[in-house]
Amino acid sequence: MIAIDIPGYKKIKAEHLVLDFNGTIAVDGKLIYGLKEQLELLSHKLCIHIITADTFGTVNKELEGIACNPMTIPVSDQDMQKERYVSGLGSERVIAIGNGQNDVLMLRKSALGIMVIQQEGAFGKLFNDADIVCFSIHDALDLLLNPLRVIATMRK
């Protein structure tokens, strides 16, 4: 669990990390270099879930050896499927990270929603629903490994 008490905002007691795959932790179906180590460190604090339509058919191979729960979803209504997945985990206990239009509801529903902008870009309207915006998944995961950074960013 990761507990974050953000002065003037809210208290978060997260047990789950839900990550989009393509555009968030992978580019063109390939896991971004260096993420295995960060995900392994986070897996000792959070249950990690990777949710994807698996456009490139690579998710299982790319996540091999990483302590996580990959979830492949159909192509249609991905935004609602991701929102339901987060709700099923108990949204108040979820930190979610994504970059696409299909991540809007997931980030909105989560206790902490983080938007990343990387090679694939990011859906502009996601800015309205993210609590934090990062320019790399490495930076976003480092926030969770060092929760005082979240407090510094979000306190009133």
C-alpha atoms as a PDB file:
ATOM      1  CA  MET A   1       0.000   0.000   0.000  1.00  0.00           C
ATOM      2  CA  ILE A   2       1.027   3.575  -0.617  1.00  0.00           C
ATOM      3  CA  ALA A   3      -0.462   6.170   1.729  1.00  0.00           C
ATOM      4  CA  ILE A   4      -0.344   9.819   0.703  1.00  0.00           C
ATOM      5  CA  ASP A   5      -1.838  12.575   2.866  1.00  0.00           C
ATOM      6  CA  ILE A   6      -2.085  15.654   0.643  1.00  0.00           C
ATOM      7  CA  PRO A   7      -2.629  18.770   2.797  1.00  0.00           C
ATOM      8  CA  GLY A   8      -5.716  20.702   1.776  1.00  0.00           C
ATOM      9  CA  TYR A   9      -6.754  18.070  -0.765  1.00  0.00           C
ATOM     10  CA  LYS A  10      -7.262  14.427   0.256  1.00  0.00           C
ATOM     11  CA  LYS A  11      -5.795  11.270   1.759  1.00  0.00           C
ATOM     12  CA  ILE A  12      -4.991   8.401  -0.563  1.00  0.00           C
ATOM     13  CA  LYS A  13      -4.492   4.811   0.555  1.00  0.00           C
ATOM     14  CA  ALA A  14      -3.707   3.032  -2.682  1.00  0.00           C
ATOM     15  CA  GLU A  15      -3.485  -0.726  -3.046  1.00  0.00           C
ATOM     16  CA  HIS A  16      -3.665  -0.930  -6.853  1.00  0.00           C
ATOM     17  CA  LEU A  17      -1.870   0.650  -9.781  1.00  0.00           C
ATOM     18  CA  VAL A  18      -3.740   0.432 -13.102  1.00  0.00           C
ATOM     19  CA  LEU A  19      -1.683   1.180 -16.194  1.00  0.00           C
ATOM     20  CA  ASP A  20      -2.639   1.531 -19.824  1.00  0.00           C
ATOM     21  CA  PHE A  21      -0.229  -0.418 -22.043  1.00  0.00           C
ATOM     22  CA  ASN A  22       0.331   1.188 -25.478  1.00  0.00           C
ATOM     23  CA  GLY A  23       1.309   4.838 -25.229  1.00  0.00           C
ATOM     24  CA  THR A  24       1.767   4.642 -21.462  1.00  0.00           C
ATOM     25  CA  ILE A  25       4.229   1.853 -20.654  1.00  0.00           C
ATOM     26  CA  ALA A  26       4.849   0.656 -24.203  1.00  0.00           C
ATOM     27  CA  VAL A  27       5.518   2.206 -27.595  1.00  0.00           C
ATOM     28  CA  ASP A  28       4.498   0.251 -30.684  1.00  0.00           C
ATOM     29  CA  GLY A  29       3.830  -2.774 -28.465  1.00  0.00           C
ATOM     30  CA  LYS A  30       7.301  -2.780 -26.860  1.00  0.00           C
ATOM     31  CA  LEU A  31       7.798  -2.105 -23.148  1.00  0.00           C
ATOM     32  CA  ILE A  32       9.687   1.143 -22.584  1.00  0.00           C
ATOM     33  CA  TYR A  33      13.298   0.571 -21.561  1.00  0.00           C
ATOM     34  CA  GLY A  34      13.954   0.581 -17.796  1.00  0.00           C
ATOM     35  CA  LEU A  35      10.355   0.016 -16.711  1.00  0.00           C
ATOM     36  CA  LYS A  36      10.829  -3.575 -15.556  1.00  0.00           C
ATOM     37  CA  GLU A  37      12.950  -2.389 -12.645  1.00  0.00           C
ATOM     38  CA  GLN A  38      10.521   0.354 -11.608  1.00  0.00           C
ATOM     39  CA  LEU A  39       7.513  -1.942 -11.885  1.00  0.00           C
ATOM     40  CA  GLU A  40       9.289  -4.585  -9.824  1.00  0.00           C
ATOM     41  CA  LEU A  41       9.958  -2.054  -7.056  1.00  0.00           C
ATOM     42  CA  LEU A  42       6.337  -0.867  -7.129  1.00  0.00           C
ATOM     43  CA  SER A  43       5.011  -4.437  -7.082  1.00  0.00           C
ATOM     44  CA  HIS A  44       6.184  -4.665  -3.457  1.00  0.00           C
ATOM     45  CA  LYS A  45       3.832  -1.787  -2.560  1.00  0.00           C
ATOM     46  CA  LEU A  46       0.946  -2.060  -5.034  1.00  0.00           C
ATOM     47  CA  CYS A  47      -0.866  -4.727  -7.004  1.00  0.00           C
ATOM     48  CA  ILE A  48      -0.119  -3.771 -10.615  1.00  0.00           C
ATOM     49  CA  HIS A  49      -2.732  -4.158 -13.336  1.00  0.00           C
ATOM     50  CA  ILE A  50      -2.045  -3.589 -17.042  1.00  0.00           C
ATOM     51  CA  ILE A  51      -5.184  -3.032 -19.093  1.00  0.00           C
ATOM     52  CA  THR A  52      -5.025  -3.096 -22.883  1.00  0.00           C
ATOM     53  CA  ALA A  53      -6.674  -4.019 -26.150  1.00  0.00           C
ATOM     54  CA  ASP A  54      -3.223  -5.446 -27.031  1.00  0.00           C
ATOM     55  CA  THR A  55      -3.197  -3.833 -30.471  1.00  0.00           C
ATOM     56  CA  PHE A  56       0.197  -5.340 -31.337  1.00  0.00           C
ATOM     57  CA  GLY A  57      -0.398  -8.734 -29.669  1.00  0.00           C
ATOM     58  CA  THR A  58       2.723  -8.348 -27.520  1.00  0.00           C
ATOM     59  CA  VAL A  59       1.488  -7.653 -23.988  1.00  0.00           C
ATOM     60  CA  ASN A  60       2.100 -11.120 -22.516  1.00  0.00           C
ATOM     61  CA  LYS A  61       5.589 -11.401 -24.021  1.00  0.00           C
ATOM     62  CA  GLU A  62       6.569  -7.867 -22.994  1.00  0.00           C
ATOM     63  CA  LEU A  63       5.342  -8.307 -19.407  1.00  0.00           C
ATOM     64  CA  GLU A  64       6.920 -11.721 -18.919  1.00  0.00           C
ATOM     65  CA  GLY A  65       8.698 -11.892 -15.567  1.00  0.00           C
ATOM     66  CA  ILE A  66       6.992  -8.774 -14.188  1.00  0.00           C
ATOM     67  CA  ALA A  67       4.729  -9.165 -11.160  1.00  0.00           C
ATOM     68  CA  CYS A  68       1.530  -7.787 -12.672  1.00  0.00           C
ATOM     69  CA  ASN A  69      -1.950  -8.692 -13.831  1.00  0.00           C
ATOM     70  CA  PRO A  70      -2.385  -8.090 -17.577  1.00  0.00           C
ATOM     71  CA  MET A  71      -5.998  -7.664 -18.678  1.00  0.00           C
ATOM     72  CA  THR A  72      -6.866  -7.713 -22.371  1.00  0.00           C
ATOM     73  CA  ILE A  73     -10.124  -5.975 -23.252  1.00  0.00           C
ATOM     74  CA  PRO A  74     -12.096  -5.807 -26.504  1.00  0.00           C
ATOM     75  CA  VAL A  75     -11.578  -2.847 -28.826  1.00  0.00           C
ATOM     76  CA  SER A  76     -15.073  -1.374 -28.325  1.00  0.00           C
ATOM     77  CA  ASP A  77     -16.015   0.864 -25.388  1.00  0.00           C
ATOM     78  CA  GLN A  78     -12.541   0.710 -23.862  1.00  0.00           C
ATOM     79  CA  ASP A  79     -13.140   3.833 -21.800  1.00  0.00           C
ATOM     80  CA  MET A  80     -16.127   2.263 -20.037  1.00  0.00           C
ATOM     81  CA  GLN A  81     -14.357  -1.081 -19.635  1.00  0.00           C
ATOM     82  CA  LYS A  82     -11.404   0.601 -17.965  1.00  0.00           C
ATOM     83  CA  GLU A  83     -13.708   2.592 -15.693  1.00  0.00           C
ATOM     84  CA  ARG A  84     -15.551  -0.598 -14.665  1.00  0.00           C
ATOM     85  CA  TYR A  85     -12.235  -2.340 -13.998  1.00  0.00           C
ATOM     86  CA  VAL A  86     -11.111   0.471 -11.677  1.00  0.00           C
ATOM     87  CA  SER A  87     -14.515   0.474  -9.943  1.00  0.00           C
ATOM     88  CA  GLY A  88     -14.257  -3.275  -9.420  1.00  0.00           C
ATOM     89  CA  LEU A  89     -10.953  -2.814  -7.603  1.00  0.00           C
ATOM     90  CA  GLY A  90     -12.427  -0.079  -5.399  1.00  0.00           C
ATOM     91  CA  SER A  91     -11.660   3.206  -7.147  1.00  0.00           C
ATOM     92  CA  GLU A  92     -10.702   4.953  -3.886  1.00  0.00           C
ATOM     93  CA  ARG A  93      -7.780   2.490  -3.628  1.00  0.00           C
ATOM     94  CA  VAL A  94      -6.532   2.914  -7.214  1.00  0.00           C
ATOM     95  CA  ILE A  95      -3.836   5.021  -8.824  1.00  0.00           C
ATOM     96  CA  ALA A  96      -4.207   5.041 -12.615  1.00  0.00           C
ATOM     97  CA  ILE A  97      -1.837   6.173 -15.346  1.00  0.00           C
ATOM     98  CA  GLY A  98      -2.743   6.681 -18.990  1.00  0.00           C
ATOM     99  CA  ASN A  99      -2.415   8.882 -22.043  1.00  0.00           C
ATOM    100  CA  GLY A 100      -5.380   8.274 -24.331  1.00  0.00           C
ATOM    101  CA  GLN A 101      -8.987   9.223 -24.811  1.00  0.00           C
ATOM    102  CA  ASN A 102      -9.919   5.747 -23.591  1.00  0.00           C
ATOM    103  CA  ASP A 103      -8.207   6.552 -20.263  1.00  0.00           C
ATOM    104  CA  VAL A 104     -10.334   9.594 -19.357  1.00  0.00           C
ATOM    105  CA  LEU A 105     -12.948   7.762 -17.277  1.00  0.00           C
ATOM    106  CA  MET A 106     -10.303   5.572 -15.615  1.00  0.00           C
ATOM    107  CA  LEU A 107      -8.285   8.576 -14.451  1.00  0.00           C
ATOM    108  CA  ARG A 108     -11.406  10.462 -13.387  1.00  0.00           C
ATOM    109  CA  LYS A 109     -12.630   7.480 -11.320  1.00  0.00           C
ATOM    110  CA  SER A 110      -9.304   6.723  -9.585  1.00  0.00           C
ATOM    111  CA  ALA A 111      -8.122   8.171  -6.284  1.00  0.00           C
ATOM    112  CA  LEU A 112      -5.110   9.550  -8.178  1.00  0.00           C
ATOM    113  CA  GLY A 113      -4.982   9.899 -11.958  1.00  0.00           C
ATOM    114  CA  ILE A 114      -1.716  10.574 -13.738  1.00  0.00           C
ATOM    115  CA  MET A 115      -1.459  11.543 -17.404  1.00  0.00           C
ATOM    116  CA  VAL A 116       1.746  10.878 -19.328  1.00  0.00           C
ATOM    117  CA  ILE A 117       2.852  12.548 -22.549  1.00  0.00           C
ATOM    118  CA  GLN A 118       5.373  10.495 -24.498  1.00  0.00           C
ATOM    119  CA  GLN A 119       6.169   9.466 -28.106  1.00  0.00           C
ATOM    120  CA  GLU A 120       2.529   8.645 -28.867  1.00  0.00           C
ATOM    121  CA  GLY A 121       1.395  11.981 -27.451  1.00  0.00           C
ATOM    122  CA  ALA A 122      -1.648  12.328 -25.222  1.00  0.00           C
ATOM    123  CA  PHE A 123      -5.337  13.117 -25.613  1.00  0.00           C
ATOM    124  CA  GLY A 124      -5.624  16.846 -24.899  1.00  0.00           C
ATOM    125  CA  LYS A 125      -8.885  16.676 -22.966  1.00  0.00           C
ATOM    126  CA  LEU A 126      -7.316  14.188 -20.557  1.00  0.00           C
ATOM    127  CA  PHE A 127      -5.692  17.243 -18.909  1.00  0.00           C
ATOM    128  CA  ASN A 128      -9.102  18.045 -17.407  1.00  0.00           C
ATOM    129  CA  ASP A 129      -9.319  14.703 -15.616  1.00  0.00           C
ATOM    130  CA  ALA A 130      -5.725  14.047 -14.539  1.00  0.00           C
ATOM    131  CA  ASP A 131      -4.515  15.032 -11.089  1.00  0.00           C
ATOM    132  CA  ILE A 132      -0.897  15.141 -12.256  1.00  0.00           C
ATOM    133  CA  VAL A 133       0.719  15.358 -15.711  1.00  0.00           C
ATOM    134  CA  CYS A 134       4.187  13.904 -16.377  1.00  0.00           C
ATOM    135  CA  PHE A 135       6.357  13.910 -19.477  1.00  0.00           C
ATOM    136  CA  SER A 136       7.465  10.301 -19.023  1.00  0.00           C
ATOM    137  CA  ILE A 137       6.247   7.107 -17.443  1.00  0.00           C
ATOM    138  CA  HIS A 138       9.552   6.940 -15.580  1.00  0.00           C
ATOM    139  CA  ASP A 139       8.761  10.262 -13.889  1.00  0.00           C
ATOM    140  CA  ALA A 140       5.219   9.127 -13.094  1.00  0.00           C
ATOM    141  CA  LEU A 141       6.399   5.885 -11.471  1.00  0.00           C
ATOM    142  CA  ASP A 142       9.120   7.754  -9.578  1.00  0.00           C
ATOM    143  CA  LEU A 143       6.345   9.880  -8.027  1.00  0.00           C
ATOM    144  CA  LEU A 144       4.856   6.713  -6.588  1.00  0.00           C
ATOM    145  CA  LEU A 145       8.227   5.443  -5.403  1.00  0.00           C
ATOM    146  CA  ASN A 146       8.760   8.837  -3.712  1.00  0.00           C
ATOM    147  CA  PRO A 147       5.257   9.913  -2.555  1.00  0.00           C
ATOM    148  CA  LEU A 148       6.511  13.160  -1.010  1.00  0.00           C
ATOM    149  CA  ARG A 149       6.789  14.402  -4.601  1.00  0.00           C
ATOM    150  CA  VAL A 150       3.027  13.886  -5.022  1.00  0.00           C
ATOM    151  CA  ILE A 151       2.420  15.927  -1.870  1.00  0.00           C
ATOM    152  CA  ALA A 152       4.723  18.707  -3.111  1.00  0.00           C
ATOM    153  CA  THR A 153       2.828  18.849  -6.409  1.00  0.00           C
ATOM    154  CA  MET A 154      -0.724  18.673  -5.105  1.00  0.00           C
ATOM    155  CA  ARG A 155      -0.870  20.429  -1.732  1.00  0.00           C
ATOM    156  CA  LYS A 156      -2.745  23.696  -1.409  1.00  0.00           C
END
